[in-house]
Amino acid sequence: FREVGGQDKGFSQVADQENAYVAADDIESAYMRKIPLWAFGFL
């Protein structure tokens, strides 16, 4: 994970990283390489 931010957080900082994901707040489901922050509560 390279970035943690809100729902408007983009992929510009992780564009050149191969296995980088964005953990975003205020989203309900995952898409592309953006995972909701609440999902980590299940881990």
PDB file of all heavy atoms in Angstrom:
ATOM      1  N   PHE A   1       0.842  -1.181   0.000  1.00  0.00           N
ATOM      2  CA  PHE A   1       0.000   0.000   0.000  1.00  0.00           C
ATOM      3  C   PHE A   1       0.877   1.230   0.000  1.00  0.00           C
ATOM      4  O   PHE A   1       1.765   1.373   0.831  1.00  0.00           O
ATOM      5  CB  PHE A   1      -0.926   0.013   1.222  1.00  0.00           C
ATOM      6  CG  PHE A   1      -2.049  -0.955   1.081  1.00  0.00           C
ATOM      7  CD1 PHE A   1      -1.911  -2.241   1.543  1.00  0.00           C
ATOM      8  CD2 PHE A   1      -3.208  -0.597   0.450  1.00  0.00           C
ATOM      9  CE1 PHE A   1      -2.919  -3.157   1.380  1.00  0.00           C
ATOM     10  CE2 PHE A   1      -4.224  -1.507   0.286  1.00  0.00           C
ATOM     11  CZ  PHE A   1      -4.076  -2.796   0.755  1.00  0.00           C
ATOM     12  N   ARG A   2       0.627   2.102  -0.928  1.00  0.00           N
ATOM     13  CA  ARG A   2       1.421   3.307  -1.050  1.00  0.00           C
ATOM     14  C   ARG A   2       0.653   4.549  -0.636  1.00  0.00           C
ATOM     15  O   ARG A   2       1.252   5.545  -0.298  1.00  0.00           O
ATOM     16  CB  ARG A   2       1.905   3.489  -2.489  1.00  0.00           C
ATOM     17  CG  ARG A   2       2.792   2.375  -2.944  1.00  0.00           C
ATOM     18  CD  ARG A   2       4.126   2.470  -2.274  1.00  0.00           C
ATOM     19  NE  ARG A   2       5.004   1.435  -2.833  1.00  0.00           N
ATOM     20  CZ  ARG A   2       5.957   0.869  -2.159  1.00  0.00           C
ATOM     21  NH1 ARG A   2       6.186   1.211  -0.929  1.00  0.00           N
ATOM     22  NH2 ARG A   2       6.700  -0.043  -2.717  1.00  0.00           N
ATOM     23  N   GLU A   3      -0.659   4.502  -0.667  1.00  0.00           N
ATOM     24  CA  GLU A   3      -1.449   5.684  -0.373  1.00  0.00           C
ATOM     25  C   GLU A   3      -2.708   5.324   0.411  1.00  0.00           C
ATOM     26  O   GLU A   3      -3.328   4.305   0.169  1.00  0.00           O
ATOM     27  CB  GLU A   3      -1.882   6.389  -1.668  1.00  0.00           C
ATOM     28  CG  GLU A   3      -0.744   7.021  -2.425  1.00  0.00           C
ATOM     29  CD  GLU A   3      -0.082   8.148  -1.682  1.00  0.00           C
ATOM     30  OE1 GLU A   3      -0.779   8.920  -0.992  1.00  0.00           O
ATOM     31  OE2 GLU A   3       1.146   8.256  -1.777  1.00  0.00           O
ATOM     32  N   VAL A   4      -3.040   6.170   1.346  1.00  0.00           N
ATOM     33  CA  VAL A   4      -4.293   6.078   2.087  1.00  0.00           C
ATOM     34  C   VAL A   4      -4.935   7.448   2.002  1.00  0.00           C
ATOM     35  O   VAL A   4      -4.283   8.452   2.253  1.00  0.00           O
ATOM     36  CB  VAL A   4      -4.048   5.695   3.569  1.00  0.00           C
ATOM     37  CG1 VAL A   4      -5.356   5.692   4.343  1.00  0.00           C
ATOM     38  CG2 VAL A   4      -3.361   4.355   3.662  1.00  0.00           C
ATOM     39  N   GLY A   5      -6.216   7.491   1.623  1.00  0.00           N
ATOM     40  CA  GLY A   5      -6.875   8.782   1.478  1.00  0.00           C
ATOM     41  C   GLY A   5      -8.373   8.642   1.365  1.00  0.00           C
ATOM     42  O   GLY A   5      -8.930   7.561   1.561  1.00  0.00           O
ATOM     43  N   GLY A   6      -9.026   9.729   1.024  1.00  0.00           N
ATOM     44  CA  GLY A   6     -10.474   9.772   0.878  1.00  0.00           C
ATOM     45  C   GLY A   6     -10.919   9.195  -0.454  1.00  0.00           C
ATOM     46  O   GLY A   6     -10.124   8.692  -1.243  1.00  0.00           O
ATOM     47  N   GLN A   7     -12.218   9.297  -0.711  1.00  0.00           N
ATOM     48  CA  GLN A   7     -12.768   8.683  -1.912  1.00  0.00           C
ATOM     49  C   GLN A   7     -12.262   9.334  -3.196  1.00  0.00           C
ATOM     50  O   GLN A   7     -12.278   8.716  -4.251  1.00  0.00           O
ATOM     51  CB  GLN A   7     -14.285   8.723  -1.891  1.00  0.00           C
ATOM     52  CG  GLN A   7     -14.894  10.105  -2.023  1.00  0.00           C
ATOM     53  CD  GLN A   7     -16.393  10.052  -1.940  1.00  0.00           C
ATOM     54  OE1 GLN A   7     -16.965   9.100  -1.422  1.00  0.00           O
ATOM     55  NE2 GLN A   7     -17.041  11.061  -2.442  1.00  0.00           N
ATOM     56  N   ASP A   8     -11.786  10.556  -3.124  1.00  0.00           N
ATOM     57  CA  ASP A   8     -11.272  11.236  -4.304  1.00  0.00           C
ATOM     58  C   ASP A   8      -9.783  10.981  -4.531  1.00  0.00           C
ATOM     59  O   ASP A   8      -9.199  11.527  -5.465  1.00  0.00           O
ATOM     60  CB  ASP A   8     -11.499  12.742  -4.190  1.00  0.00           C
ATOM     61  CG  ASP A   8     -12.980  13.080  -4.188  1.00  0.00           C
ATOM     62  OD1 ASP A   8     -13.753  12.341  -4.833  1.00  0.00           O
ATOM     63  OD2 ASP A   8     -13.355  14.063  -3.542  1.00  0.00           O
ATOM     64  N   LYS A   9      -9.179  10.168  -3.707  1.00  0.00           N
ATOM     65  CA  LYS A   9      -7.754   9.861  -3.849  1.00  0.00           C
ATOM     66  C   LYS A   9      -7.528   9.123  -5.158  1.00  0.00           C
ATOM     67  O   LYS A   9      -8.173   8.128  -5.443  1.00  0.00           O
ATOM     68  CB  LYS A   9      -7.288   8.997  -2.672  1.00  0.00           C
ATOM     69  CG  LYS A   9      -5.819   8.705  -2.656  1.00  0.00           C
ATOM     70  CD  LYS A   9      -5.060   9.975  -2.381  1.00  0.00           C
ATOM     71  CE  LYS A   9      -3.592   9.690  -2.260  1.00  0.00           C
ATOM     72  NZ  LYS A   9      -2.860  10.917  -2.120  1.00  0.00           N
ATOM     73  N   GLY A  10      -6.613   9.621  -5.958  1.00  0.00           N
ATOM     74  CA  GLY A  10      -6.352   9.023  -7.264  1.00  0.00           C
ATOM     75  C   GLY A  10      -5.137   8.109  -7.240  1.00  0.00           C
ATOM     76  O   GLY A  10      -4.558   7.819  -6.192  1.00  0.00           O
ATOM     77  N   PHE A  11      -4.751   7.676  -8.424  1.00  0.00           N
ATOM     78  CA  PHE A  11      -3.644   6.735  -8.562  1.00  0.00           C
ATOM     79  C   PHE A  11      -2.365   7.415  -9.047  1.00  0.00           C
ATOM     80  O   PHE A  11      -1.426   6.741  -9.437  1.00  0.00           O
ATOM     81  CB  PHE A  11      -4.027   5.628  -9.547  1.00  0.00           C
ATOM     82  CG  PHE A  11      -5.141   4.772  -9.058  1.00  0.00           C
ATOM     83  CD1 PHE A  11      -6.429   4.971  -9.491  1.00  0.00           C
ATOM     84  CD2 PHE A  11      -4.894   3.750  -8.162  1.00  0.00           C
ATOM     85  CE1 PHE A  11      -7.458   4.177  -9.038  1.00  0.00           C
ATOM     86  CE2 PHE A  11      -5.921   2.949  -7.706  1.00  0.00           C
ATOM     87  CZ  PHE A  11      -7.207   3.166  -8.149  1.00  0.00           C
ATOM     88  N   SER A  12      -2.329   8.738  -9.017  1.00  0.00           N
ATOM     89  CA  SER A  12      -1.164   9.437  -9.573  1.00  0.00           C
ATOM     90  C   SER A  12       0.124   9.115  -8.823  1.00  0.00           C
ATOM     91  O   SER A  12       1.186   9.003  -9.442  1.00  0.00           O
ATOM     92  CB  SER A  12      -1.400  10.946  -9.579  1.00  0.00           C
ATOM     93  OG  SER A  12      -1.582  11.426  -8.257  1.00  0.00           O
ATOM     94  N   GLN A  13       0.059   8.933  -7.504  1.00  0.00           N
ATOM     95  CA  GLN A  13       1.264   8.632  -6.748  1.00  0.00           C
ATOM     96  C   GLN A  13       1.701   7.176  -6.885  1.00  0.00           C
ATOM     97  O   GLN A  13       2.837   6.849  -6.617  1.00  0.00           O
ATOM     98  CB  GLN A  13       1.083   8.953  -5.255  1.00  0.00           C
ATOM     99  CG  GLN A  13       1.129  10.419  -4.963  1.00  0.00           C
ATOM    100  CD  GLN A  13      -0.255  10.995  -4.760  1.00  0.00           C
ATOM    101  OE1 GLN A  13      -1.244  10.286  -4.890  1.00  0.00           O
ATOM    102  NE2 GLN A  13      -0.318  12.262  -4.462  1.00  0.00           N
ATOM    103  N   VAL A  14       0.800   6.306  -7.280  1.00  0.00           N
ATOM    104  CA  VAL A  14       1.139   4.882  -7.399  1.00  0.00           C
ATOM    105  C   VAL A  14       1.106   4.404  -8.845  1.00  0.00           C
ATOM    106  O   VAL A  14       1.124   3.213  -9.100  1.00  0.00           O
ATOM    107  CB  VAL A  14       0.206   4.007  -6.521  1.00  0.00           C
ATOM    108  CG1 VAL A  14       0.377   4.332  -5.062  1.00  0.00           C
ATOM    109  CG2 VAL A  14      -1.231   4.134  -6.956  1.00  0.00           C
ATOM    110  N   ALA A  15       1.068   5.302  -9.781  1.00  0.00           N
ATOM    111  CA  ALA A  15       0.947   4.931 -11.192  1.00  0.00           C
ATOM    112  C   ALA A  15       2.137   4.104 -11.672  1.00  0.00           C
ATOM    113  O   ALA A  15       1.974   3.207 -12.495  1.00  0.00           O
ATOM    114  CB  ALA A  15       0.800   6.179 -12.053  1.00  0.00           C
ATOM    115  N   ASP A  16       3.321   4.372 -11.158  1.00  0.00           N
ATOM    116  CA  ASP A  16       4.501   3.649 -11.611  1.00  0.00           C
ATOM    117  C   ASP A  16       4.816   2.422 -10.768  1.00  0.00           C
ATOM    118  O   ASP A  16       5.762   1.701 -11.060  1.00  0.00           O
ATOM    119  CB  ASP A  16       5.710   4.581 -11.629  1.00  0.00           C
ATOM    120  CG  ASP A  16       6.016   5.155 -10.256  1.00  0.00           C
ATOM    121  OD1 ASP A  16       5.116   5.165  -9.407  1.00  0.00           O
ATOM    122  OD2 ASP A  16       7.164   5.605 -10.051  1.00  0.00           O
ATOM    123  N   GLN A  17       4.015   2.141  -9.748  1.00  0.00           N
ATOM    124  CA  GLN A  17       4.221   0.978  -8.889  1.00  0.00           C
ATOM    125  C   GLN A  17       3.395  -0.195  -9.406  1.00  0.00           C
ATOM    126  O   GLN A  17       2.219  -0.044  -9.706  1.00  0.00           O
ATOM    127  CB  GLN A  17       3.799   1.292  -7.446  1.00  0.00           C
ATOM    128  CG  GLN A  17       4.517   2.461  -6.841  1.00  0.00           C
ATOM    129  CD  GLN A  17       5.973   2.155  -6.594  1.00  0.00           C
ATOM    130  OE1 GLN A  17       6.320   1.035  -6.247  1.00  0.00           O
ATOM    131  NE2 GLN A  17       6.814   3.154  -6.780  1.00  0.00           N
ATOM    132  N   GLU A  18       4.000  -1.356  -9.482  1.00  0.00           N
ATOM    133  CA  GLU A  18       3.309  -2.517 -10.049  1.00  0.00           C
ATOM    134  C   GLU A  18       2.276  -3.106  -9.098  1.00  0.00           C
ATOM    135  O   GLU A  18       1.153  -3.397  -9.488  1.00  0.00           O
ATOM    136  CB  GLU A  18       4.327  -3.584 -10.422  1.00  0.00           C
ATOM    137  CG  GLU A  18       3.719  -4.744 -11.170  1.00  0.00           C
ATOM    138  CD  GLU A  18       4.774  -5.693 -11.673  1.00  0.00           C
ATOM    139  OE1 GLU A  18       5.811  -5.221 -12.143  1.00  0.00           O
ATOM    140  OE2 GLU A  18       4.554  -6.910 -11.574  1.00  0.00           O
ATOM    141  N   ASN A  19       2.621  -3.327  -7.857  1.00  0.00           N
ATOM    142  CA  ASN A  19       1.712  -3.946  -6.894  1.00  0.00           C
ATOM    143  C   ASN A  19       1.305  -2.964  -5.812  1.00  0.00           C
ATOM    144  O   ASN A  19       1.330  -3.296  -4.632  1.00  0.00           O
ATOM    145  CB  ASN A  19       2.368  -5.169  -6.239  1.00  0.00           C
ATOM    146  CG  ASN A  19       2.472  -6.320  -7.199  1.00  0.00           C
ATOM    147  OD1 ASN A  19       1.653  -6.473  -8.080  1.00  0.00           O
ATOM    148  ND2 ASN A  19       3.488  -7.131  -7.043  1.00  0.00           N
ATOM    149  N   ALA A  20       0.912  -1.781  -6.195  1.00  0.00           N
ATOM    150  CA  ALA A  20       0.519  -0.768  -5.221  1.00  0.00           C
ATOM    151  C   ALA A  20      -1.000  -0.603  -5.241  1.00  0.00           C
ATOM    152  O   ALA A  20      -1.631  -0.684  -6.284  1.00  0.00           O
ATOM    153  CB  ALA A  20       1.195   0.551  -5.536  1.00  0.00           C
ATOM    154  N   TYR A  21      -1.551  -0.385  -4.070  1.00  0.00           N
ATOM    155  CA  TYR A  21      -2.982  -0.215  -3.914  1.00  0.00           C
ATOM    156  C   TYR A  21      -3.256   1.065  -3.156  1.00  0.00           C
ATOM    157  O   TYR A  21      -2.393   1.573  -2.450  1.00  0.00           O
ATOM    158  CB  TYR A  21      -3.589  -1.390  -3.139  1.00  0.00           C
ATOM    159  CG  TYR A  21      -3.487  -2.696  -3.879  1.00  0.00           C
ATOM    160  CD1 TYR A  21      -2.359  -3.486  -3.765  1.00  0.00           C
ATOM    161  CD2 TYR A  21      -4.525  -3.128  -4.688  1.00  0.00           C
ATOM    162  CE1 TYR A  21      -2.251  -4.679  -4.445  1.00  0.00           C
ATOM    163  CE2 TYR A  21      -4.432  -4.329  -5.373  1.00  0.00           C
ATOM    164  CZ  TYR A  21      -3.297  -5.094  -5.243  1.00  0.00           C
ATOM    165  OH  TYR A  21      -3.201  -6.277  -5.913  1.00  0.00           O
ATOM    166  N   VAL A  22      -4.484   1.562  -3.283  1.00  0.00           N
ATOM    167  CA  VAL A  22      -4.926   2.733  -2.540  1.00  0.00           C
ATOM    168  C   VAL A  22      -5.995   2.276  -1.562  1.00  0.00           C
ATOM    169  O   VAL A  22      -6.964   1.629  -1.956  1.00  0.00           O
ATOM    170  CB  VAL A  22      -5.500   3.811  -3.491  1.00  0.00           C
ATOM    171  CG1 VAL A  22      -6.109   4.953  -2.710  1.00  0.00           C
ATOM    172  CG2 VAL A  22      -4.424   4.321  -4.428  1.00  0.00           C
ATOM    173  N   ALA A  23      -5.808   2.575  -0.289  1.00  0.00           N
ATOM    174  CA  ALA A  23      -6.828   2.309   0.723  1.00  0.00           C
ATOM    175  C   ALA A  23      -7.608   3.603   0.896  1.00  0.00           C
ATOM    176  O   ALA A  23      -7.068   4.601   1.351  1.00  0.00           O
ATOM    177  CB  ALA A  23      -6.191   1.884   2.037  1.00  0.00           C
ATOM    178  N   ALA A  24      -8.871   3.603   0.484  1.00  0.00           N
ATOM    179  CA  ALA A  24      -9.666   4.825   0.449  1.00  0.00           C
ATOM    180  C   ALA A  24     -10.821   4.771   1.436  1.00  0.00           C
ATOM    181  O   ALA A  24     -11.454   3.735   1.625  1.00  0.00           O
ATOM    182  CB  ALA A  24     -10.202   5.063  -0.959  1.00  0.00           C
ATOM    183  N   ASP A  25     -11.076   5.903   2.040  1.00  0.00           N
ATOM    184  CA  ASP A  25     -12.192   6.048   2.970  1.00  0.00           C
ATOM    185  C   ASP A  25     -13.414   6.526   2.194  1.00  0.00           C
ATOM    186  O   ASP A  25     -13.296   7.088   1.105  1.00  0.00           O
ATOM    187  CB  ASP A  25     -11.815   7.061   4.050  1.00  0.00           C
ATOM    188  CG  ASP A  25     -12.710   6.969   5.269  1.00  0.00           C
ATOM    189  OD1 ASP A  25     -13.444   5.973   5.400  1.00  0.00           O
ATOM    190  OD2 ASP A  25     -12.661   7.883   6.105  1.00  0.00           O
ATOM    191  N   ASP A  26     -14.588   6.297   2.733  1.00  0.00           N
ATOM    192  CA  ASP A  26     -15.857   6.764   2.164  1.00  0.00           C
ATOM    193  C   ASP A  26     -16.215   6.125   0.831  1.00  0.00           C
ATOM    194  O   ASP A  26     -16.892   6.733   0.006  1.00  0.00           O
ATOM    195  CB  ASP A  26     -15.866   8.292   2.013  1.00  0.00           C
ATOM    196  CG  ASP A  26     -15.752   9.001   3.342  1.00  0.00           C
ATOM    197  OD1 ASP A  26     -16.224   8.438   4.348  1.00  0.00           O
ATOM    198  OD2 ASP A  26     -15.190  10.109   3.382  1.00  0.00           O
ATOM    199  N   ILE A  27     -15.751   4.896   0.580  1.00  0.00           N
ATOM    200  CA  ILE A  27     -16.237   4.138  -0.568  1.00  0.00           C
ATOM    201  C   ILE A  27     -16.822   2.831  -0.042  1.00  0.00           C
ATOM    202  O   ILE A  27     -16.425   2.342   1.004  1.00  0.00           O
ATOM    203  CB  ILE A  27     -15.136   3.869  -1.618  1.00  0.00           C
ATOM    204  CG1 ILE A  27     -13.991   3.024  -1.053  1.00  0.00           C
ATOM    205  CG2 ILE A  27     -14.612   5.156  -2.203  1.00  0.00           C
ATOM    206  CD1 ILE A  27     -12.982   2.587  -2.113  1.00  0.00           C
ATOM    207  N   GLU A  28     -17.805   2.287  -0.761  1.00  0.00           N
ATOM    208  CA  GLU A  28     -18.504   1.097  -0.281  1.00  0.00           C
ATOM    209  C   GLU A  28     -17.928  -0.199  -0.820  1.00  0.00           C
ATOM    210  O   GLU A  28     -18.008  -1.224  -0.161  1.00  0.00           O
ATOM    211  CB  GLU A  28     -19.978   1.193  -0.663  1.00  0.00           C
ATOM    212  CG  GLU A  28     -20.701   2.297   0.080  1.00  0.00           C
ATOM    213  CD  GLU A  28     -22.176   2.318  -0.244  1.00  0.00           C
ATOM    214  OE1 GLU A  28     -22.688   1.296  -0.736  1.00  0.00           O
ATOM    215  OE2 GLU A  28     -22.804   3.349   0.003  1.00  0.00           O
ATOM    216  N   SER A  29     -17.379  -0.180  -2.014  1.00  0.00           N
ATOM    217  CA  SER A  29     -16.853  -1.411  -2.584  1.00  0.00           C
ATOM    218  C   SER A  29     -15.534  -1.140  -3.304  1.00  0.00           C
ATOM    219  O   SER A  29     -15.245  -0.019  -3.687  1.00  0.00           O
ATOM    220  CB  SER A  29     -17.862  -2.033  -3.555  1.00  0.00           C
ATOM    221  OG  SER A  29     -18.130  -1.137  -4.607  1.00  0.00           O
ATOM    222  N   ALA A  30     -14.779  -2.198  -3.499  1.00  0.00           N
ATOM    223  CA  ALA A  30     -13.478  -2.084  -4.151  1.00  0.00           C
ATOM    224  C   ALA A  30     -13.645  -2.051  -5.662  1.00  0.00           C
ATOM    225  O   ALA A  30     -14.565  -2.654  -6.213  1.00  0.00           O
ATOM    226  CB  ALA A  30     -12.603  -3.264  -3.754  1.00  0.00           C
ATOM    227  N   TYR A  31     -12.750  -1.345  -6.315  1.00  0.00           N
ATOM    228  CA  TYR A  31     -12.678  -1.365  -7.771  1.00  0.00           C
ATOM    229  C   TYR A  31     -11.264  -0.998  -8.183  1.00  0.00           C
ATOM    230  O   TYR A  31     -10.577  -0.245  -7.504  1.00  0.00           O
ATOM    231  CB  TYR A  31     -13.704  -0.425  -8.416  1.00  0.00           C
ATOM    232  CG  TYR A  31     -13.569   1.024  -8.038  1.00  0.00           C
ATOM    233  CD1 TYR A  31     -12.842   1.905  -8.827  1.00  0.00           C
ATOM    234  CD2 TYR A  31     -14.156   1.513  -6.882  1.00  0.00           C
ATOM    235  CE1 TYR A  31     -12.713   3.227  -8.471  1.00  0.00           C
ATOM    236  CE2 TYR A  31     -14.023   2.831  -6.515  1.00  0.00           C
ATOM    237  CZ  TYR A  31     -13.305   3.690  -7.319  1.00  0.00           C
ATOM    238  OH  TYR A  31     -13.168   5.004  -6.962  1.00  0.00           O
ATOM    239  N   MET A  32     -10.845  -1.598  -9.287  1.00  0.00           N
ATOM    240  CA  MET A  32      -9.469  -1.461  -9.775  1.00  0.00           C
ATOM    241  C   MET A  32      -8.493  -1.775  -8.646  1.00  0.00           C
ATOM    242  O   MET A  32      -8.537  -2.870  -8.117  1.00  0.00           O
ATOM    243  CB  MET A  32      -9.242  -0.073 -10.362  1.00  0.00           C
ATOM    244  CG  MET A  32     -10.017   0.159 -11.634  1.00  0.00           C
ATOM    245  SD  MET A  32      -9.879   1.798 -12.330  1.00  0.00           S
ATOM    246  CE  MET A  32      -8.135   2.056 -12.436  1.00  0.00           C
ATOM    247  N   ARG A  33      -7.653  -0.842  -8.265  1.00  0.00           N
ATOM    248  CA  ARG A  33      -6.694  -1.057  -7.183  1.00  0.00           C
ATOM    249  C   ARG A  33      -7.025  -0.184  -5.988  1.00  0.00           C
ATOM    250  O   ARG A  33      -6.157   0.176  -5.212  1.00  0.00           O
ATOM    251  CB  ARG A  33      -5.278  -0.760  -7.675  1.00  0.00           C
ATOM    252  CG  ARG A  33      -4.825  -1.717  -8.743  1.00  0.00           C
ATOM    253  CD  ARG A  33      -3.421  -1.450  -9.165  1.00  0.00           C
ATOM    254  NE  ARG A  33      -3.289  -0.065  -9.621  1.00  0.00           N
ATOM    255  CZ  ARG A  33      -2.152   0.503  -9.961  1.00  0.00           C
ATOM    256  NH1 ARG A  33      -1.051  -0.169  -9.897  1.00  0.00           N
ATOM    257  NH2 ARG A  33      -2.120   1.750 -10.366  1.00  0.00           N
ATOM    258  N   LYS A  34      -8.300   0.134  -5.815  1.00  0.00           N
ATOM    259  CA  LYS A  34      -8.745   0.954  -4.694  1.00  0.00           C
ATOM    260  C   LYS A  34      -9.603   0.092  -3.771  1.00  0.00           C
ATOM    261  O   LYS A  34     -10.616  -0.467  -4.193  1.00  0.00           O
ATOM    262  CB  LYS A  34      -9.545   2.155  -5.198  1.00  0.00           C
ATOM    263  CG  LYS A  34      -9.833   3.175  -4.130  1.00  0.00           C
ATOM    264  CD  LYS A  34     -10.600   4.364  -4.684  1.00  0.00           C
ATOM    265  CE  LYS A  34      -9.651   5.353  -5.290  1.00  0.00           C
ATOM    266  NZ  LYS A  34     -10.331   6.627  -5.603  1.00  0.00           N
ATOM    267  N   ILE A  35      -9.186  -0.036  -2.527  1.00  0.00           N
ATOM    268  CA  ILE A  35      -9.844  -0.905  -1.554  1.00  0.00           C
ATOM    269  C   ILE A  35     -10.431  -0.040  -0.444  1.00  0.00           C
ATOM    270  O   ILE A  35      -9.754   0.868   0.047  1.00  0.00           O
ATOM    271  CB  ILE A  35      -8.841  -1.919  -0.974  1.00  0.00           C
ATOM    272  CG1 ILE A  35      -8.277  -2.784  -2.108  1.00  0.00           C
ATOM    273  CG2 ILE A  35      -9.482  -2.785   0.099  1.00  0.00           C
ATOM    274  CD1 ILE A  35      -7.160  -3.686  -1.691  1.00  0.00           C
ATOM    275  N   PRO A  36     -11.671  -0.304  -0.023  1.00  0.00           N
ATOM    276  CA  PRO A  36     -12.253   0.500   1.059  1.00  0.00           C
ATOM    277  C   PRO A  36     -11.512   0.293   2.370  1.00  0.00           C
ATOM    278  O   PRO A  36     -11.117  -0.825   2.712  1.00  0.00           O
ATOM    279  CB  PRO A  36     -13.694   0.026   1.150  1.00  0.00           C
ATOM    280  CG  PRO A  36     -13.782  -1.220   0.375  1.00  0.00           C
ATOM    281  CD  PRO A  36     -12.605  -1.297  -0.523  1.00  0.00           C
ATOM    282  N   LEU A  37     -11.341   1.373   3.087  1.00  0.00           N
ATOM    283  CA  LEU A  37     -10.602   1.327   4.335  1.00  0.00           C
ATOM    284  C   LEU A  37     -11.305   0.455   5.373  1.00  0.00           C
ATOM    285  O   LEU A  37     -10.657  -0.232   6.159  1.00  0.00           O
ATOM    286  CB  LEU A  37     -10.425   2.755   4.851  1.00  0.00           C
ATOM    287  CG  LEU A  37      -9.340   3.021   5.862  1.00  0.00           C
ATOM    288  CD1 LEU A  37      -7.997   2.546   5.358  1.00  0.00           C
ATOM    289  CD2 LEU A  37      -9.269   4.494   6.181  1.00  0.00           C
ATOM    290  N   TRP A  38     -12.647   0.420   5.351  1.00  0.00           N
ATOM    291  CA  TRP A  38     -13.393  -0.370   6.338  1.00  0.00           C
ATOM    292  C   TRP A  38     -13.139  -1.868   6.177  1.00  0.00           C
ATOM    293  O   TRP A  38     -13.306  -2.638   7.117  1.00  0.00           O
ATOM    294  CB  TRP A  38     -14.894  -0.077   6.272  1.00  0.00           C
ATOM    295  CG  TRP A  38     -15.538  -0.410   4.963  1.00  0.00           C
ATOM    296  CD1 TRP A  38     -15.810   0.447   3.951  1.00  0.00           C
ATOM    297  CD2 TRP A  38     -15.990  -1.698   4.514  1.00  0.00           C
ATOM    298  NE1 TRP A  38     -16.389  -0.214   2.895  1.00  0.00           N
ATOM    299  CE2 TRP A  38     -16.516  -1.530   3.220  1.00  0.00           C
ATOM    300  CE3 TRP A  38     -15.998  -2.957   5.085  1.00  0.00           C
ATOM    301  CZ2 TRP A  38     -17.047  -2.582   2.487  1.00  0.00           C
ATOM    302  CZ3 TRP A  38     -16.527  -4.015   4.344  1.00  0.00           C
ATOM    303  CH2 TRP A  38     -17.054  -3.819   3.061  1.00  0.00           C
ATOM    304  N   ALA A  39     -12.726  -2.310   4.995  1.00  0.00           N
ATOM    305  CA  ALA A  39     -12.508  -3.737   4.753  1.00  0.00           C
ATOM    306  C   ALA A  39     -11.368  -4.279   5.626  1.00  0.00           C
ATOM    307  O   ALA A  39     -11.337  -5.472   5.927  1.00  0.00           O
ATOM    308  CB  ALA A  39     -12.210  -3.988   3.280  1.00  0.00           C
ATOM    309  N   PHE A  40     -10.443  -3.435   6.015  1.00  0.00           N
ATOM    310  CA  PHE A  40      -9.334  -3.893   6.846  1.00  0.00           C
ATOM    311  C   PHE A  40      -9.775  -4.177   8.279  1.00  0.00           C
ATOM    312  O   PHE A  40      -9.058  -4.851   9.003  1.00  0.00           O
ATOM    313  CB  PHE A  40      -8.202  -2.874   6.816  1.00  0.00           C
ATOM    314  CG  PHE A  40      -7.598  -2.756   5.452  1.00  0.00           C
ATOM    315  CD1 PHE A  40      -7.951  -1.724   4.608  1.00  0.00           C
ATOM    316  CD2 PHE A  40      -6.693  -3.699   5.020  1.00  0.00           C
ATOM    317  CE1 PHE A  40      -7.415  -1.621   3.345  1.00  0.00           C
ATOM    318  CE2 PHE A  40      -6.145  -3.612   3.743  1.00  0.00           C
ATOM    319  CZ  PHE A  40      -6.513  -2.566   2.916  1.00  0.00           C
ATOM    320  N   GLY A  41     -10.938  -3.714   8.666  1.00  0.00           N
ATOM    321  CA  GLY A  41     -11.472  -4.025   9.969  1.00  0.00           C
ATOM    322  C   GLY A  41     -11.810  -5.507  10.104  1.00  0.00           C
ATOM    323  O   GLY A  41     -11.779  -6.068  11.202  1.00  0.00           O
ATOM    324  N   PHE A  42     -12.102  -6.162   8.989  1.00  0.00           N
ATOM    325  CA  PHE A  42     -12.400  -7.594   9.023  1.00  0.00           C
ATOM    326  C   PHE A  42     -11.145  -8.433   9.195  1.00  0.00           C
ATOM    327  O   PHE A  42     -11.210  -9.609   9.513  1.00  0.00           O
ATOM    328  CB  PHE A  42     -13.119  -8.019   7.745  1.00  0.00           C
ATOM    329  CG  PHE A  42     -14.499  -7.447   7.617  1.00  0.00           C
ATOM    330  CD1 PHE A  42     -14.818  -6.625   6.564  1.00  0.00           C
ATOM    331  CD2 PHE A  42     -15.473  -7.728   8.561  1.00  0.00           C
ATOM    332  CE1 PHE A  42     -16.081  -6.091   6.435  1.00  0.00           C
ATOM    333  CE2 PHE A  42     -16.741  -7.212   8.451  1.00  0.00           C
ATOM    334  CZ  PHE A  42     -17.046  -6.389   7.380  1.00  0.00           C
ATOM    335  N   LEU A  43      -9.979  -7.860   8.950  1.00  0.00           N
ATOM    336  CA  LEU A  43      -8.733  -8.592   9.079  1.00  0.00           C
ATOM    337  C   LEU A  43      -8.200  -8.564  10.509  1.00  0.00           C
ATOM    338  O   LEU A  43      -7.285  -9.293  10.851  1.00  0.00           O
ATOM    339  CB  LEU A  43      -7.675  -7.995   8.138  1.00  0.00           C
ATOM    340  CG  LEU A  43      -8.013  -8.055   6.662  1.00  0.00           C
ATOM    341  CD1 LEU A  43      -6.941  -7.320   5.860  1.00  0.00           C
ATOM    342  CD2 LEU A  43      -8.117  -9.481   6.189  1.00  0.00           C
TER     343      LEU A  43
END
